All heavy atoms as atom14 arrays in JSON, in Angstrom:
{
  "sequence": "AALLQEGYRRAAWRLIPFLVFLFVLAWIDRVNVGFAKLSMLSDLNFS",
  "atom14_mask": [
    [1, 1, 1, 1, 1, 0, 0, 0, 0, 0, 0, 0, 0, 0],
    [1, 1, 1, 1, 1, 0, 0, 0, 0, 0, 0, 0, 0, 0],
    [1, 1, 1, 1, 1, 1, 1, 1, 0, 0, 0, 0, 0, 0],
    [1, 1, 1, 1, 1, 1, 1, 1, 0, 0, 0, 0, 0, 0],
    [1, 1, 1, 1, 1, 1, 1, 1, 1, 0, 0, 0, 0, 0],
    [1, 1, 1, 1, 1, 1, 1, 1, 1, 0, 0, 0, 0, 0],
    [1, 1, 1, 1, 0, 0, 0, 0, 0, 0, 0, 0, 0, 0],
    [1, 1, 1, 1, 1, 1, 1, 1, 1, 1, 1, 1, 0, 0],
    [1, 1, 1, 1, 1, 1, 1, 1, 1, 1, 1, 0, 0, 0],
    [1, 1, 1, 1, 1, 1, 1, 1, 1, 1, 1, 0, 0, 0],
    [1, 1, 1, 1, 1, 0, 0, 0, 0, 0, 0, 0, 0, 0],
    [1, 1, 1, 1, 1, 0, 0, 0, 0, 0, 0, 0, 0, 0],
    [1, 1, 1, 1, 1, 1, 1, 1, 1, 1, 1, 1, 1, 1],
    [1, 1, 1, 1, 1, 1, 1, 1, 1, 1, 1, 0, 0, 0],
    [1, 1, 1, 1, 1, 1, 1, 1, 0, 0, 0, 0, 0, 0],
    [1, 1, 1, 1, 1, 1, 1, 1, 0, 0, 0, 0, 0, 0],
    [1, 1, 1, 1, 1, 1, 1, 0, 0, 0, 0, 0, 0, 0],
    [1, 1, 1, 1, 1, 1, 1, 1, 1, 1, 1, 0, 0, 0],
    [1, 1, 1, 1, 1, 1, 1, 1, 0, 0, 0, 0, 0, 0],
    [1, 1, 1, 1, 1, 1, 1, 0, 0, 0, 0, 0, 0, 0],
    [1, 1, 1, 1, 1, 1, 1, 1, 1, 1, 1, 0, 0, 0],
    [1, 1, 1, 1, 1, 1, 1, 1, 0, 0, 0, 0, 0, 0],
    [1, 1, 1, 1, 1, 1, 1, 1, 1, 1, 1, 0, 0, 0],
    [1, 1, 1, 1, 1, 1, 1, 0, 0, 0, 0, 0, 0, 0],
    [1, 1, 1, 1, 1, 1, 1, 1, 0, 0, 0, 0, 0, 0],
    [1, 1, 1, 1, 1, 0, 0, 0, 0, 0, 0, 0, 0, 0],
    [1, 1, 1, 1, 1, 1, 1, 1, 1, 1, 1, 1, 1, 1],
    [1, 1, 1, 1, 1, 1, 1, 1, 0, 0, 0, 0, 0, 0],
    [1, 1, 1, 1, 1, 1, 1, 1, 0, 0, 0, 0, 0, 0],
    [1, 1, 1, 1, 1, 1, 1, 1, 1, 1, 1, 0, 0, 0],
    [1, 1, 1, 1, 1, 1, 1, 0, 0, 0, 0, 0, 0, 0],
    [1, 1, 1, 1, 1, 1, 1, 1, 0, 0, 0, 0, 0, 0],
    [1, 1, 1, 1, 1, 1, 1, 0, 0, 0, 0, 0, 0, 0],
    [1, 1, 1, 1, 0, 0, 0, 0, 0, 0, 0, 0, 0, 0],
    [1, 1, 1, 1, 1, 1, 1, 1, 1, 1, 1, 0, 0, 0],
    [1, 1, 1, 1, 1, 0, 0, 0, 0, 0, 0, 0, 0, 0],
    [1, 1, 1, 1, 1, 1, 1, 1, 1, 0, 0, 0, 0, 0],
    [1, 1, 1, 1, 1, 1, 1, 1, 0, 0, 0, 0, 0, 0],
    [1, 1, 1, 1, 1, 1, 0, 0, 0, 0, 0, 0, 0, 0],
    [1, 1, 1, 1, 1, 1, 1, 1, 0, 0, 0, 0, 0, 0],
    [1, 1, 1, 1, 1, 1, 1, 1, 0, 0, 0, 0, 0, 0],
    [1, 1, 1, 1, 1, 1, 0, 0, 0, 0, 0, 0, 0, 0],
    [1, 1, 1, 1, 1, 1, 1, 1, 0, 0, 0, 0, 0, 0],
    [1, 1, 1, 1, 1, 1, 1, 1, 0, 0, 0, 0, 0, 0],
    [1, 1, 1, 1, 1, 1, 1, 1, 0, 0, 0, 0, 0, 0],
    [1, 1, 1, 1, 1, 1, 1, 1, 1, 1, 1, 0, 0, 0],
    [1, 1, 1, 1, 1, 1, 0, 0, 0, 0, 0, 0, 0, 0]
  ],
  "atom14_positions": [
    [[115.77, 75.03, 120.6], [114.82, 75.29, 119.51], [113.45, 75.71, 120.07], [112.8, 76.62, 119.54], [114.66, 74.04, 118.65], [0.0, 0.0, 0.0], [0.0, 0.0, 0.0], [0.0, 0.0, 0.0], [0.0, 0.0, 0.0], [0.0, 0.0, 0.0], [0.0, 0.0, 0.0], [0.0, 0.0, 0.0], [0.0, 0.0, 0.0], [0.0, 0.0, 0.0]],
    [[113.06, 75.07, 121.17], [111.77, 75.43, 121.77], [111.83, 76.84, 122.37], [110.86, 77.6, 122.25], [111.42, 74.41, 122.86], [0.0, 0.0, 0.0], [0.0, 0.0, 0.0], [0.0, 0.0, 0.0], [0.0, 0.0, 0.0], [0.0, 0.0, 0.0], [0.0, 0.0, 0.0], [0.0, 0.0, 0.0], [0.0, 0.0, 0.0], [0.0, 0.0, 0.0]],
    [[112.96, 77.19, 122.98], [113.11, 78.54, 123.51], [113.04, 79.58, 122.41], [112.37, 80.61, 122.55], [114.46, 78.67, 124.25], [114.57, 78.03, 125.62], [116.01, 78.07, 126.1], [113.65, 78.74, 126.62], [0.0, 0.0, 0.0], [0.0, 0.0, 0.0], [0.0, 0.0, 0.0], [0.0, 0.0, 0.0], [0.0, 0.0, 0.0], [0.0, 0.0, 0.0]],
    [[113.73, 79.31, 121.29], [113.71, 80.25, 120.18], [112.31, 80.38, 119.59], [111.84, 81.5, 119.32], [114.7, 79.8, 119.1], [116.18, 79.96, 119.42], [117.04, 79.26, 118.38], [116.54, 81.44, 119.52], [0.0, 0.0, 0.0], [0.0, 0.0, 0.0], [0.0, 0.0, 0.0], [0.0, 0.0, 0.0], [0.0, 0.0, 0.0], [0.0, 0.0, 0.0]],
    [[111.65, 79.25, 119.4], [110.32, 79.29, 118.83], [109.35, 80.1, 119.68], [108.61, 80.95, 119.16], [109.78, 77.85, 118.68], [108.43, 77.74, 117.99], [108.49, 78.11, 116.52], [109.56, 78.08, 115.9], [107.36, 78.48, 115.94], [0.0, 0.0, 0.0], [0.0, 0.0, 0.0], [0.0, 0.0, 0.0], [0.0, 0.0, 0.0], [0.0, 0.0, 0.0]],
    [[109.4, 79.9, 120.99], [108.51, 80.63, 121.88], [108.92, 82.11, 121.95], [108.06, 83.0, 122.0], [108.54, 80.01, 123.28], [107.68, 80.72, 124.32], [106.19, 80.75, 123.99], [105.76, 79.95, 123.13], [105.46, 81.55, 124.58], [0.0, 0.0, 0.0], [0.0, 0.0, 0.0], [0.0, 0.0, 0.0], [0.0, 0.0, 0.0], [0.0, 0.0, 0.0]],
    [[110.23, 82.36, 121.94], [110.69, 83.74, 121.96], [110.26, 84.51, 120.73], [109.8, 85.65, 120.83], [0.0, 0.0, 0.0], [0.0, 0.0, 0.0], [0.0, 0.0, 0.0], [0.0, 0.0, 0.0], [0.0, 0.0, 0.0], [0.0, 0.0, 0.0], [0.0, 0.0, 0.0], [0.0, 0.0, 0.0], [0.0, 0.0, 0.0], [0.0, 0.0, 0.0]],
    [[110.4, 83.9, 119.55], [109.99, 84.56, 118.31], [108.46, 84.77, 118.29], [107.99, 85.8, 117.81], [110.41, 83.73, 117.1], [111.91, 83.63, 116.93], [112.49, 82.44, 116.52], [112.76, 84.7, 117.22], [113.88, 82.33, 116.36], [114.13, 84.6, 117.07], [114.68, 83.41, 116.65], [116.03, 83.3, 116.49], [0.0, 0.0, 0.0], [0.0, 0.0, 0.0]],
    [[107.74, 83.79, 118.82], [106.28, 83.94, 118.86], [105.88, 85.11, 119.74], [105.03, 85.93, 119.34], [105.64, 82.64, 119.38], [104.11, 82.64, 119.32], [103.53, 81.47, 120.1], [103.72, 81.65, 121.53], [102.94, 82.41, 122.3], [101.92, 83.07, 121.77], [103.16, 82.51, 123.6], [0.0, 0.0, 0.0], [0.0, 0.0, 0.0], [0.0, 0.0, 0.0]],
    [[106.49, 85.23, 120.9], [106.16, 86.33, 121.81], [106.57, 87.68, 121.2], [105.83, 88.66, 121.3], [106.85, 86.13, 123.15], [106.33, 84.97, 123.97], [106.91, 85.0, 125.38], [106.55, 83.82, 126.14], [106.84, 83.63, 127.42], [107.53, 84.55, 128.08], [106.49, 82.53, 128.03], [0.0, 0.0, 0.0], [0.0, 0.0, 0.0], [0.0, 0.0, 0.0]],
    [[107.74, 87.69, 120.61], [108.22, 88.94, 120.0], [107.3, 89.4, 118.88], [106.98, 90.59, 118.75], [109.65, 88.77, 119.49], [0.0, 0.0, 0.0], [0.0, 0.0, 0.0], [0.0, 0.0, 0.0], [0.0, 0.0, 0.0], [0.0, 0.0, 0.0], [0.0, 0.0, 0.0], [0.0, 0.0, 0.0], [0.0, 0.0, 0.0], [0.0, 0.0, 0.0]],
    [[106.86, 88.45, 118.06], [105.97, 88.8, 116.95], [104.65, 89.37, 117.46], [104.17, 90.4, 116.98], [105.7, 87.57, 116.07], [0.0, 0.0, 0.0], [0.0, 0.0, 0.0], [0.0, 0.0, 0.0], [0.0, 0.0, 0.0], [0.0, 0.0, 0.0], [0.0, 0.0, 0.0], [0.0, 0.0, 0.0], [0.0, 0.0, 0.0], [0.0, 0.0, 0.0]],
    [[104.09, 88.72, 118.49], [102.79, 89.17, 119.01], [102.9, 90.48, 119.78], [101.99, 91.3, 119.76], [102.19, 88.1, 119.91], [101.47, 87.04, 119.15], [101.87, 85.74, 118.91], [100.2, 87.16, 118.51], [100.94, 85.08, 118.15], [99.9, 85.92, 117.89], [99.28, 88.21, 118.38], [98.74, 85.7, 117.16], [98.11, 87.98, 117.65], [97.84, 86.75, 117.06]],
    [[104.03, 90.7, 120.42], [104.2, 91.93, 121.2], [104.61, 93.12, 120.36], [104.17, 94.25, 120.62], [105.27, 91.69, 122.28], [104.87, 90.72, 123.36], [104.04, 91.39, 124.42], [103.74, 90.49, 125.53], [103.4, 90.9, 126.74], [103.32, 92.19, 127.0], [103.13, 90.03, 127.7], [0.0, 0.0, 0.0], [0.0, 0.0, 0.0], [0.0, 0.0, 0.0]],
    [[105.45, 92.9, 119.36], [106.04, 94.0, 118.62], [105.28, 94.36, 117.35], [105.03, 95.54, 117.09], [107.5, 93.67, 118.25], [108.46, 93.42, 119.42], [109.84, 93.09, 118.87], [108.53, 94.63, 120.33], [0.0, 0.0, 0.0], [0.0, 0.0, 0.0], [0.0, 0.0, 0.0], [0.0, 0.0, 0.0], [0.0, 0.0, 0.0], [0.0, 0.0, 0.0]],
    [[104.93, 93.36, 116.55], [104.38, 93.66, 115.22], [103.07, 94.43, 115.29], [102.92, 95.45, 114.58], [104.21, 92.36, 114.39], [105.58, 91.69, 114.19], [103.57, 92.66, 113.05], [106.59, 92.57, 113.49], [0.0, 0.0, 0.0], [0.0, 0.0, 0.0], [0.0, 0.0, 0.0], [0.0, 0.0, 0.0], [0.0, 0.0, 0.0], [0.0, 0.0, 0.0]],
    [[102.08, 94.05, 116.09], [100.84, 94.84, 116.12], [101.09, 96.3, 116.52], [100.49, 97.21, 115.94], [99.96, 94.12, 117.15], [100.46, 92.72, 117.15], [101.94, 92.83, 116.91], [0.0, 0.0, 0.0], [0.0, 0.0, 0.0], [0.0, 0.0, 0.0], [0.0, 0.0, 0.0], [0.0, 0.0, 0.0], [0.0, 0.0, 0.0], [0.0, 0.0, 0.0]],
    [[101.98, 96.51, 117.48], [102.27, 97.87, 117.92], [102.99, 98.67, 116.83], [102.66, 99.84, 116.58], [103.1, 97.84, 119.21], [103.36, 99.19, 119.81], [102.3, 99.99, 120.22], [104.64, 99.66, 119.98], [102.52, 101.25, 120.78], [104.88, 100.91, 120.54], [103.82, 101.71, 120.94], [0.0, 0.0, 0.0], [0.0, 0.0, 0.0], [0.0, 0.0, 0.0]],
    [[103.96, 98.04, 116.18], [104.68, 98.71, 115.11], [103.79, 98.99, 113.92], [103.89, 100.04, 113.26], [105.9, 97.87, 114.68], [107.0, 97.72, 115.73], [108.04, 96.71, 115.26], [107.67, 99.07, 116.04], [0.0, 0.0, 0.0], [0.0, 0.0, 0.0], [0.0, 0.0, 0.0], [0.0, 0.0, 0.0], [0.0, 0.0, 0.0], [0.0, 0.0, 0.0]],
    [[102.9, 98.06, 113.63], [101.91, 98.3, 112.56], [101.03, 99.49, 112.91], [100.76, 100.34, 112.05], [101.06, 97.02, 112.33], [99.82, 97.35, 111.48], [101.89, 95.95, 111.65], [0.0, 0.0, 0.0], [0.0, 0.0, 0.0], [0.0, 0.0, 0.0], [0.0, 0.0, 0.0], [0.0, 0.0, 0.0], [0.0, 0.0, 0.0], [0.0, 0.0, 0.0]],
    [[100.57, 99.55, 114.15], [99.75, 100.68, 114.6], [100.49, 101.99, 114.42], [99.93, 102.98, 113.93], [99.37, 100.47, 116.06], [98.64, 101.65, 116.67], [97.36, 101.98, 116.26], [99.25, 102.4, 117.66], [96.69, 103.06, 116.83], [98.59, 103.49, 118.23], [97.31, 103.82, 117.81], [0.0, 0.0, 0.0], [0.0, 0.0, 0.0], [0.0, 0.0, 0.0]],
    [[101.77, 102.02, 114.78], [102.56, 103.24, 114.62], [102.68, 103.63, 113.15], [102.54, 104.81, 112.8], [103.97, 103.05, 115.22], [104.07, 102.91, 116.73], [105.52, 102.71, 117.13], [103.49, 104.13, 117.43], [0.0, 0.0, 0.0], [0.0, 0.0, 0.0], [0.0, 0.0, 0.0], [0.0, 0.0, 0.0], [0.0, 0.0, 0.0], [0.0, 0.0, 0.0]],
    [[102.91, 102.64, 112.3], [103.06, 102.99, 110.89], [101.73, 103.43, 110.27], [101.71, 104.29, 109.38], [103.64, 101.84, 110.08], [103.97, 102.25, 108.67], [105.15, 102.9, 108.39], [103.06, 102.05, 107.63], [105.45, 103.31, 107.1], [103.34, 102.46, 106.35], [104.55, 103.1, 106.08], [0.0, 0.0, 0.0], [0.0, 0.0, 0.0], [0.0, 0.0, 0.0]],
    [[100.65, 102.83, 110.72], [99.33, 103.26, 110.24], [99.15, 104.76, 110.54], [98.69, 105.53, 109.69], [98.21, 102.43, 110.89], [96.85, 103.08, 110.66], [98.21, 101.02, 110.32], [0.0, 0.0, 0.0], [0.0, 0.0, 0.0], [0.0, 0.0, 0.0], [0.0, 0.0, 0.0], [0.0, 0.0, 0.0], [0.0, 0.0, 0.0], [0.0, 0.0, 0.0]],
    [[99.53, 105.18, 111.74], [99.44, 106.59, 112.09], [100.36, 107.43, 111.2], [99.98, 108.52, 110.75], [99.82, 106.79, 113.56], [98.88, 106.16, 114.6], [99.42, 106.4, 116.0], [97.46, 106.69, 114.48], [0.0, 0.0, 0.0], [0.0, 0.0, 0.0], [0.0, 0.0, 0.0], [0.0, 0.0, 0.0], [0.0, 0.0, 0.0], [0.0, 0.0, 0.0]],
    [[101.57, 106.94, 110.97], [102.52, 107.67, 110.11], [101.98, 107.83, 108.71], [102.04, 108.91, 108.11], [103.87, 106.96, 110.09], [0.0, 0.0, 0.0], [0.0, 0.0, 0.0], [0.0, 0.0, 0.0], [0.0, 0.0, 0.0], [0.0, 0.0, 0.0], [0.0, 0.0, 0.0], [0.0, 0.0, 0.0], [0.0, 0.0, 0.0], [0.0, 0.0, 0.0]],
    [[101.45, 106.74, 108.18], [100.93, 106.76, 106.81], [99.72, 107.7, 106.7], [99.61, 108.47, 105.74], [100.56, 105.35, 106.37], [100.05, 105.26, 104.98], [98.72, 105.18, 104.59], [100.83, 105.24, 103.77], [98.65, 105.1, 103.22], [99.91, 105.13, 102.7], [102.19, 105.3, 103.52], [100.34, 105.09, 101.36], [102.61, 105.24, 102.2], [101.7, 105.14, 101.15]],
    [[98.84, 107.64, 107.67], [97.66, 108.51, 107.65], [98.08, 109.96, 107.69], [97.57, 110.79, 106.92], [96.74, 108.16, 108.84], [96.02, 106.82, 108.58], [95.72, 109.26, 109.08], [95.2, 106.32, 109.74], [0.0, 0.0, 0.0], [0.0, 0.0, 0.0], [0.0, 0.0, 0.0], [0.0, 0.0, 0.0], [0.0, 0.0, 0.0], [0.0, 0.0, 0.0]],
    [[99.04, 110.3, 108.57], [99.48, 111.68, 108.66], [100.26, 112.11, 107.43], [100.34, 113.31, 107.12], [100.35, 111.88, 109.91], [99.54, 111.87, 111.19], [98.32, 112.04, 111.1], [100.13, 111.7, 112.27], [0.0, 0.0, 0.0], [0.0, 0.0, 0.0], [0.0, 0.0, 0.0], [0.0, 0.0, 0.0], [0.0, 0.0, 0.0], [0.0, 0.0, 0.0]],
    [[100.83, 111.15, 106.71], [101.55, 111.47, 105.49], [100.59, 111.78, 104.32], [100.82, 112.7, 103.56], [102.47, 110.3, 105.08], [103.23, 110.54, 103.79], [103.83, 109.27, 103.21], [104.76, 108.6, 104.12], [105.51, 107.56, 103.75], [105.42, 107.07, 102.51], [106.33, 107.0, 104.6], [0.0, 0.0, 0.0], [0.0, 0.0, 0.0], [0.0, 0.0, 0.0]],
    [[99.55, 110.97, 104.19], [98.72, 111.04, 102.98], [97.36, 111.71, 103.2], [96.62, 111.86, 102.23], [98.51, 109.63, 102.37], [99.84, 108.96, 102.12], [97.63, 108.77, 103.26], [0.0, 0.0, 0.0], [0.0, 0.0, 0.0], [0.0, 0.0, 0.0], [0.0, 0.0, 0.0], [0.0, 0.0, 0.0], [0.0, 0.0, 0.0], [0.0, 0.0, 0.0]],
    [[97.04, 112.1, 104.45], [95.73, 112.72, 104.64], [95.57, 114.02, 103.87], [94.46, 114.51, 103.67], [95.4, 112.9, 106.12], [96.42, 113.74, 106.86], [97.28, 114.39, 106.27], [96.32, 113.74, 108.19], [0.0, 0.0, 0.0], [0.0, 0.0, 0.0], [0.0, 0.0, 0.0], [0.0, 0.0, 0.0], [0.0, 0.0, 0.0], [0.0, 0.0, 0.0]],
    [[96.69, 114.57, 103.43], [96.62, 115.78, 102.6], [95.86, 115.51, 101.3], [95.26, 116.41, 100.71], [98.05, 116.31, 102.3], [98.81, 115.35, 101.37], [98.01, 117.7, 101.72], [0.0, 0.0, 0.0], [0.0, 0.0, 0.0], [0.0, 0.0, 0.0], [0.0, 0.0, 0.0], [0.0, 0.0, 0.0], [0.0, 0.0, 0.0], [0.0, 0.0, 0.0]],
    [[95.86, 114.23, 100.85], [95.09, 113.87, 99.67], [93.6, 114.03, 99.85], [92.87, 114.41, 98.94], [0.0, 0.0, 0.0], [0.0, 0.0, 0.0], [0.0, 0.0, 0.0], [0.0, 0.0, 0.0], [0.0, 0.0, 0.0], [0.0, 0.0, 0.0], [0.0, 0.0, 0.0], [0.0, 0.0, 0.0], [0.0, 0.0, 0.0], [0.0, 0.0, 0.0]],
    [[93.11, 113.74, 101.09], [91.7, 113.94, 101.4], [91.43, 115.41, 101.72], [90.39, 115.96, 101.33], [91.29, 113.06, 102.57], [91.15, 111.61, 102.21], [92.22, 110.74, 102.35], [89.96, 111.12, 101.69], [92.1, 109.41, 102.02], [89.82, 109.78, 101.35], [90.9, 108.92, 101.51], [0.0, 0.0, 0.0], [0.0, 0.0, 0.0], [0.0, 0.0, 0.0]],
    [[92.36, 116.05, 102.43], [92.21, 117.46, 102.74], [92.1, 118.3, 101.46], [91.38, 119.3, 101.42], [93.39, 117.96, 103.58], [0.0, 0.0, 0.0], [0.0, 0.0, 0.0], [0.0, 0.0, 0.0], [0.0, 0.0, 0.0], [0.0, 0.0, 0.0], [0.0, 0.0, 0.0], [0.0, 0.0, 0.0], [0.0, 0.0, 0.0], [0.0, 0.0, 0.0]],
    [[92.77, 117.83, 100.42], [92.78, 118.52, 99.13], [91.37, 118.75, 98.57], [91.13, 119.74, 97.86], [93.6, 117.71, 98.13], [93.57, 118.18, 96.69], [94.39, 117.23, 95.82], [94.41, 117.7, 94.37], [93.1, 117.49, 93.72], [0.0, 0.0, 0.0], [0.0, 0.0, 0.0], [0.0, 0.0, 0.0], [0.0, 0.0, 0.0], [0.0, 0.0, 0.0]],
    [[90.44, 117.86, 98.9], [89.09, 117.95, 98.34], [88.43, 119.29, 98.65], [87.56, 119.74, 97.9], [88.23, 116.79, 98.88], [88.72, 115.38, 98.5], [87.84, 114.32, 99.16], [88.72, 115.2, 96.98], [0.0, 0.0, 0.0], [0.0, 0.0, 0.0], [0.0, 0.0, 0.0], [0.0, 0.0, 0.0], [0.0, 0.0, 0.0], [0.0, 0.0, 0.0]],
    [[88.82, 119.95, 99.74], [88.28, 121.28, 100.04], [89.33, 122.3, 100.43], [89.1, 123.5, 100.37], [87.22, 121.2, 101.16], [87.78, 120.64, 102.33], [0.0, 0.0, 0.0], [0.0, 0.0, 0.0], [0.0, 0.0, 0.0], [0.0, 0.0, 0.0], [0.0, 0.0, 0.0], [0.0, 0.0, 0.0], [0.0, 0.0, 0.0], [0.0, 0.0, 0.0]],
    [[90.52, 121.83, 100.79], [91.6, 122.71, 101.23], [92.04, 123.66, 100.12], [92.29, 124.84, 100.35], [92.77, 121.85, 101.72], [93.99, 122.64, 102.19], [95.33, 121.49, 102.66], [96.58, 122.66, 103.17], [0.0, 0.0, 0.0], [0.0, 0.0, 0.0], [0.0, 0.0, 0.0], [0.0, 0.0, 0.0], [0.0, 0.0, 0.0], [0.0, 0.0, 0.0]],
    [[92.15, 123.13, 98.91], [92.66, 123.95, 97.81], [91.76, 125.14, 97.53], [92.24, 126.27, 97.34], [92.81, 123.09, 96.54], [94.22, 122.52, 96.3], [94.62, 121.57, 97.43], [94.29, 121.81, 94.95], [0.0, 0.0, 0.0], [0.0, 0.0, 0.0], [0.0, 0.0, 0.0], [0.0, 0.0, 0.0], [0.0, 0.0, 0.0], [0.0, 0.0, 0.0]],
    [[90.45, 124.9, 97.54], [89.54, 126.01, 97.27], [89.51, 127.02, 98.42], [89.42, 128.22, 98.21], [88.13, 125.47, 97.0], [87.66, 124.73, 98.11], [0.0, 0.0, 0.0], [0.0, 0.0, 0.0], [0.0, 0.0, 0.0], [0.0, 0.0, 0.0], [0.0, 0.0, 0.0], [0.0, 0.0, 0.0], [0.0, 0.0, 0.0], [0.0, 0.0, 0.0]],
    [[89.61, 126.52, 99.66], [89.6, 127.4, 100.82], [90.82, 128.32, 100.85], [90.74, 129.48, 101.25], [89.56, 126.59, 102.11], [88.21, 125.96, 102.37], [87.26, 126.26, 101.61], [88.09, 125.18, 103.33], [0.0, 0.0, 0.0], [0.0, 0.0, 0.0], [0.0, 0.0, 0.0], [0.0, 0.0, 0.0], [0.0, 0.0, 0.0], [0.0, 0.0, 0.0]],
    [[91.97, 127.81, 100.43], [93.22, 128.55, 100.5], [93.65, 129.14, 99.16], [94.7, 129.78, 99.07], [94.35, 127.67, 101.05], [94.13, 127.1, 102.46], [95.31, 126.21, 102.85], [93.94, 128.2, 103.48], [0.0, 0.0, 0.0], [0.0, 0.0, 0.0], [0.0, 0.0, 0.0], [0.0, 0.0, 0.0], [0.0, 0.0, 0.0], [0.0, 0.0, 0.0]],
    [[92.84, 128.88, 98.13], [93.18, 129.34, 96.77], [94.52, 128.79, 96.3], [95.3, 129.49, 95.65], [93.18, 130.88, 96.7], [91.8, 131.48, 96.92], [90.81, 130.98, 96.37], [91.73, 132.52, 97.72], [0.0, 0.0, 0.0], [0.0, 0.0, 0.0], [0.0, 0.0, 0.0], [0.0, 0.0, 0.0], [0.0, 0.0, 0.0], [0.0, 0.0, 0.0]],
    [[94.77, 127.53, 96.61], [95.97, 126.86, 96.12], [95.65, 126.2, 94.77], [94.56, 125.67, 94.56], [96.42, 125.75, 97.09], [97.07, 126.27, 98.34], [97.46, 125.38, 99.33], [97.32, 127.62, 98.54], [98.06, 125.82, 100.49], [97.93, 128.08, 99.71], [98.29, 127.18, 100.69], [0.0, 0.0, 0.0], [0.0, 0.0, 0.0], [0.0, 0.0, 0.0]],
    [[96.63, 126.2, 93.89], [96.47, 125.54, 92.6], [96.85, 124.07, 92.73], [97.43, 123.62, 93.72], [97.36, 126.19, 91.55], [98.72, 126.01, 91.86], [0.0, 0.0, 0.0], [0.0, 0.0, 0.0], [0.0, 0.0, 0.0], [0.0, 0.0, 0.0], [0.0, 0.0, 0.0], [0.0, 0.0, 0.0], [0.0, 0.0, 0.0], [0.0, 0.0, 0.0]]
  ]
}
């Protein structure tokens, strides 16, 4: 039980922050078009 507890603790601290960082980048690259839209549409004459 102690081995599992320590293993899960290490895995959470090592993996989750890095995976969160990766998804933050993915999400930003997915939705930044919403901010680009504020001037992109007029520059490119998109409707």
